[in-house]
Amino acid sequence: YNVIIGQSGGATAVINASLVGAVETALQDVRIGGIYGMRYGIEGLLQE
């Protein structure tokens, strides 16, 4: 499995903490093969 993480809005302490939590959780799961960040929101994901 792979994980893709998308965020919205500007960087804040809460958003950064949420990102860290998601990445740390994914890293602990042996089923996760890759962690990817989504650029340019859902439009960027659909275009790539």
PDB file of N, CA and C in Angstrom:
ATOM      1  N   TYR A   1       0.831  -1.186   0.000  1.00  0.00           N
ATOM      2  CA  TYR A   1       0.000   0.000   0.000  1.00  0.00           C
ATOM      3  C   TYR A   1       0.871   1.243   0.000  1.00  0.00           C
ATOM      4  N   ASN A   2       0.323   2.333  -0.525  1.00  0.00           N
ATOM      5  CA  ASN A   2       0.966   3.636  -0.471  1.00  0.00           C
ATOM      6  C   ASN A   2       0.020   4.621   0.188  1.00  0.00           C
ATOM      7  N   VAL A   3       0.583   5.688   0.717  1.00  0.00           N
ATOM      8  CA  VAL A   3      -0.192   6.749   1.352  1.00  0.00           C
ATOM      9  C   VAL A   3       0.080   8.038   0.601  1.00  0.00           C
ATOM     10  N   ILE A   4      -0.973   8.795   0.323  1.00  0.00           N
ATOM     11  CA  ILE A   4      -0.801  10.128  -0.234  1.00  0.00           C
ATOM     12  C   ILE A   4      -1.439  11.111   0.738  1.00  0.00           C
ATOM     13  N   ILE A   5      -0.700  12.172   1.049  1.00  0.00           N
ATOM     14  CA  ILE A   5      -1.160  13.158   2.026  1.00  0.00           C
ATOM     15  C   ILE A   5      -1.309  14.500   1.335  1.00  0.00           C
ATOM     16  N   GLY A   6      -2.481  15.085   1.457  1.00  0.00           N
ATOM     17  CA  GLY A   6      -2.744  16.415   0.919  1.00  0.00           C
ATOM     18  C   GLY A   6      -3.143  17.351   2.039  1.00  0.00           C
ATOM     19  N   GLN A   7      -2.734  18.592   1.933  1.00  0.00           N
ATOM     20  CA  GLN A   7      -3.076  19.597   2.927  1.00  0.00           C
ATOM     21  C   GLN A   7      -3.682  20.796   2.230  1.00  0.00           C
ATOM     22  N   SER A   8      -4.405  21.568   3.000  1.00  0.00           N
ATOM     23  CA  SER A   8      -5.024  22.764   2.460  1.00  0.00           C
ATOM     24  C   SER A   8      -4.766  23.920   3.414  1.00  0.00           C
ATOM     25  N   GLY A   9      -4.556  25.092   2.853  1.00  0.00           N
ATOM     26  CA  GLY A   9      -4.297  26.258   3.692  1.00  0.00           C
ATOM     27  C   GLY A   9      -2.819  26.451   3.939  1.00  0.00           C
ATOM     28  N   GLY A  10      -2.511  27.480   4.653  1.00  0.00           N
ATOM     29  CA  GLY A  10      -1.120  27.811   4.946  1.00  0.00           C
ATOM     30  C   GLY A  10      -0.556  26.951   6.059  1.00  0.00           C
ATOM     31  N   ALA A  11       0.744  26.953   6.130  1.00  0.00           N
ATOM     32  CA  ALA A  11       1.418  26.174   7.179  1.00  0.00           C
ATOM     33  C   ALA A  11       1.154  26.789   8.549  1.00  0.00           C
ATOM     34  N   THR A  12       0.678  25.958   9.463  1.00  0.00           N
ATOM     35  CA  THR A  12       0.474  26.369  10.852  1.00  0.00           C
ATOM     36  C   THR A  12       0.988  25.255  11.746  1.00  0.00           C
ATOM     37  N   ALA A  13       1.112  25.552  13.019  1.00  0.00           N
ATOM     38  CA  ALA A  13       1.576  24.532  13.960  1.00  0.00           C
ATOM     39  C   ALA A  13       0.632  23.331  13.983  1.00  0.00           C
ATOM     40  N   VAL A  14      -0.673  23.580  13.888  1.00  0.00           N
ATOM     41  CA  VAL A  14      -1.642  22.480  13.920  1.00  0.00           C
ATOM     42  C   VAL A  14      -1.534  21.626  12.658  1.00  0.00           C
ATOM     43  N   ILE A  15      -1.444  22.269  11.501  1.00  0.00           N
ATOM     44  CA  ILE A  15      -1.316  21.516  10.245  1.00  0.00           C
ATOM     45  C   ILE A  15      -0.014  20.732  10.234  1.00  0.00           C
ATOM     46  N   ASN A  16       1.068  21.349  10.684  1.00  0.00           N
ATOM     47  CA  ASN A  16       2.353  20.651  10.720  1.00  0.00           C
ATOM     48  C   ASN A  16       2.304  19.457  11.660  1.00  0.00           C
ATOM     49  N   ALA A  17       1.655  19.613  12.820  1.00  0.00           N
ATOM     50  CA  ALA A  17       1.547  18.509  13.775  1.00  0.00           C
ATOM     51  C   ALA A  17       0.708  17.374  13.188  1.00  0.00           C
ATOM     52  N   SER A  18      -0.339  17.723  12.463  1.00  0.00           N
ATOM     53  CA  SER A  18      -1.168  16.699  11.817  1.00  0.00           C
ATOM     54  C   SER A  18      -0.364  15.930  10.779  1.00  0.00           C
ATOM     55  N   LEU A  19       0.450  16.642  10.015  1.00  0.00           N
ATOM     56  CA  LEU A  19       1.293  15.998   9.010  1.00  0.00           C
ATOM     57  C   LEU A  19       2.275  15.037   9.669  1.00  0.00           C
ATOM     58  N   VAL A  20       2.922  15.476  10.727  1.00  0.00           N
ATOM     59  CA  VAL A  20       3.874  14.621  11.441  1.00  0.00           C
ATOM     60  C   VAL A  20       3.172  13.371  11.962  1.00  0.00           C
ATOM     61  N   GLY A  21       1.985  13.541  12.528  1.00  0.00           N
ATOM     62  CA  GLY A  21       1.235  12.390  13.034  1.00  0.00           C
ATOM     63  C   GLY A  21       0.898  11.394  11.943  1.00  0.00           C
ATOM     64  N   ALA A  22       0.477  11.894  10.792  1.00  0.00           N
ATOM     65  CA  ALA A  22       0.133  11.007   9.678  1.00  0.00           C
ATOM     66  C   ALA A  22       1.361  10.257   9.172  1.00  0.00           C
ATOM     67  N   VAL A  23       2.476  10.962   9.029  1.00  0.00           N
ATOM     68  CA  VAL A  23       3.707  10.331   8.531  1.00  0.00           C
ATOM     69  C   VAL A  23       4.233   9.311   9.535  1.00  0.00           C
ATOM     70  N   GLU A  24       4.270   9.678  10.809  1.00  0.00           N
ATOM     71  CA  GLU A  24       4.772   8.744  11.822  1.00  0.00           C
ATOM     72  C   GLU A  24       3.914   7.482  11.894  1.00  0.00           C
ATOM     73  N   THR A  25       2.615   7.643  11.797  1.00  0.00           N
ATOM     74  CA  THR A  25       1.717   6.490  11.821  1.00  0.00           C
ATOM     75  C   THR A  25       1.950   5.600  10.607  1.00  0.00           C
ATOM     76  N   ALA A  26       2.091   6.197   9.442  1.00  0.00           N
ATOM     77  CA  ALA A  26       2.336   5.422   8.223  1.00  0.00           C
ATOM     78  C   ALA A  26       3.674   4.685   8.296  1.00  0.00           C
ATOM     79  N   LEU A  27       4.683   5.329   8.860  1.00  0.00           N
ATOM     80  CA  LEU A  27       5.999   4.692   8.964  1.00  0.00           C
ATOM     81  C   LEU A  27       5.977   3.463   9.870  1.00  0.00           C
ATOM     82  N   GLN A  28       5.070   3.440  10.822  1.00  0.00           N
ATOM     83  CA  GLN A  28       4.979   2.310  11.754  1.00  0.00           C
ATOM     84  C   GLN A  28       4.252   1.110  11.156  1.00  0.00           C
ATOM     85  N   ASP A  29       3.555   1.302  10.069  1.00  0.00           N
ATOM     86  CA  ASP A  29       2.773   0.224   9.450  1.00  0.00           C
ATOM     87  C   ASP A  29       3.616  -0.455   8.374  1.00  0.00           C
ATOM     88  N   VAL A  30       3.937  -1.716   8.593  1.00  0.00           N
ATOM     89  CA  VAL A  30       4.820  -2.433   7.662  1.00  0.00           C
ATOM     90  C   VAL A  30       4.183  -2.629   6.290  1.00  0.00           C
ATOM     91  N   ARG A  31       2.862  -2.457   6.187  1.00  0.00           N
ATOM     92  CA  ARG A  31       2.184  -2.621   4.897  1.00  0.00           C
ATOM     93  C   ARG A  31       2.362  -1.419   3.981  1.00  0.00           C
ATOM     94  N   ILE A  32       2.797  -0.297   4.534  1.00  0.00           N
ATOM     95  CA  ILE A  32       2.938   0.933   3.756  1.00  0.00           C
ATOM     96  C   ILE A  32       4.267   0.908   3.018  1.00  0.00           C
ATOM     97  N   GLY A  33       4.205   0.990   1.690  1.00  0.00           N
ATOM     98  CA  GLY A  33       5.414   0.962   0.875  1.00  0.00           C
ATOM     99  C   GLY A  33       5.962   2.340   0.561  1.00  0.00           C
ATOM    100  N   GLY A  34       5.100   3.344   0.559  1.00  0.00           N
ATOM    101  CA  GLY A  34       5.551   4.693   0.222  1.00  0.00           C
ATOM    102  C   GLY A  34       4.613   5.742   0.788  1.00  0.00           C
ATOM    103  N   ILE A  35       5.174   6.898   1.073  1.00  0.00           N
ATOM    104  CA  ILE A  35       4.409   8.043   1.555  1.00  0.00           C
ATOM    105  C   ILE A  35       4.664   9.181   0.581  1.00  0.00           C
ATOM    106  N   TYR A  36       3.596   9.719   0.026  1.00  0.00           N
ATOM    107  CA  TYR A  36       3.711  10.761  -0.989  1.00  0.00           C
ATOM    108  C   TYR A  36       2.951  12.005  -0.559  1.00  0.00           C
ATOM    109  N   GLY A  37       3.504  13.152  -0.902  1.00  0.00           N
ATOM    110  CA  GLY A  37       2.834  14.423  -0.660  1.00  0.00           C
ATOM    111  C   GLY A  37       2.139  14.890  -1.922  1.00  0.00           C
ATOM    112  N   MET A  38       0.954  15.431  -1.773  1.00  0.00           N
ATOM    113  CA  MET A  38       0.171  15.887  -2.915  1.00  0.00           C
ATOM    114  C   MET A  38       0.430  17.376  -3.126  1.00  0.00           C
ATOM    115  N   ARG A  39       0.835  17.744  -4.332  1.00  0.00           N
ATOM    116  CA  ARG A  39       1.074  19.146  -4.678  1.00  0.00           C
ATOM    117  C   ARG A  39      -0.105  19.703  -5.454  1.00  0.00           C
ATOM    118  N   TYR A  40      -0.455  20.921  -5.176  1.00  0.00           N
ATOM    119  CA  TYR A  40      -1.508  21.640  -5.906  1.00  0.00           C
ATOM    120  C   TYR A  40      -2.895  21.040  -5.703  1.00  0.00           C
ATOM    121  N   GLY A  41      -3.117  20.476  -4.531  1.00  0.00           N
ATOM    122  CA  GLY A  41      -4.443  19.981  -4.190  1.00  0.00           C
ATOM    123  C   GLY A  41      -4.905  18.830  -5.055  1.00  0.00           C
ATOM    124  N   ILE A  42      -6.206  18.640  -5.069  1.00  0.00           N
ATOM    125  CA  ILE A  42      -6.769  17.513  -5.816  1.00  0.00           C
ATOM    126  C   ILE A  42      -6.542  17.677  -7.314  1.00  0.00           C
ATOM    127  N   GLU A  43      -6.496  18.912  -7.796  1.00  0.00           N
ATOM    128  CA  GLU A  43      -6.237  19.131  -9.224  1.00  0.00           C
ATOM    129  C   GLU A  43      -4.850  18.633  -9.608  1.00  0.00           C
ATOM    130  N   GLY A  44      -3.870  18.892  -8.763  1.00  0.00           N
ATOM    131  CA  GLY A  44      -2.526  18.400  -9.026  1.00  0.00           C
ATOM    132  C   GLY A  44      -2.460  16.883  -9.031  1.00  0.00           C
ATOM    133  N   LEU A  45      -3.192  16.263  -8.125  1.00  0.00           N
ATOM    134  CA  LEU A  45      -3.221  14.803  -8.074  1.00  0.00           C
ATOM    135  C   LEU A  45      -3.827  14.225  -9.349  1.00  0.00           C
ATOM    136  N   LEU A  46      -4.924  14.789  -9.784  1.00  0.00           N
ATOM    137  CA  LEU A  46      -5.602  14.266 -10.965  1.00  0.00           C
ATOM    138  C   LEU A  46      -4.805  14.497 -12.243  1.00  0.00           C
ATOM    139  N   GLN A  47      -4.014  15.560 -12.287  1.00  0.00           N
ATOM    140  CA  GLN A  47      -3.217  15.839 -13.480  1.00  0.00           C
ATOM    141  C   GLN A  47      -1.970  14.978 -13.548  1.00  0.00           C
ATOM    142  N   GLU A  48      -1.461  14.544 -12.426  1.00  0.00           N
ATOM    143  CA  GLU A  48      -0.263  13.708 -12.406  1.00  0.00           C
ATOM    144  C   GLU A  48      -0.682  12.283 -12.605  1.00  0.00           C
TER     145      GLU A  48
END
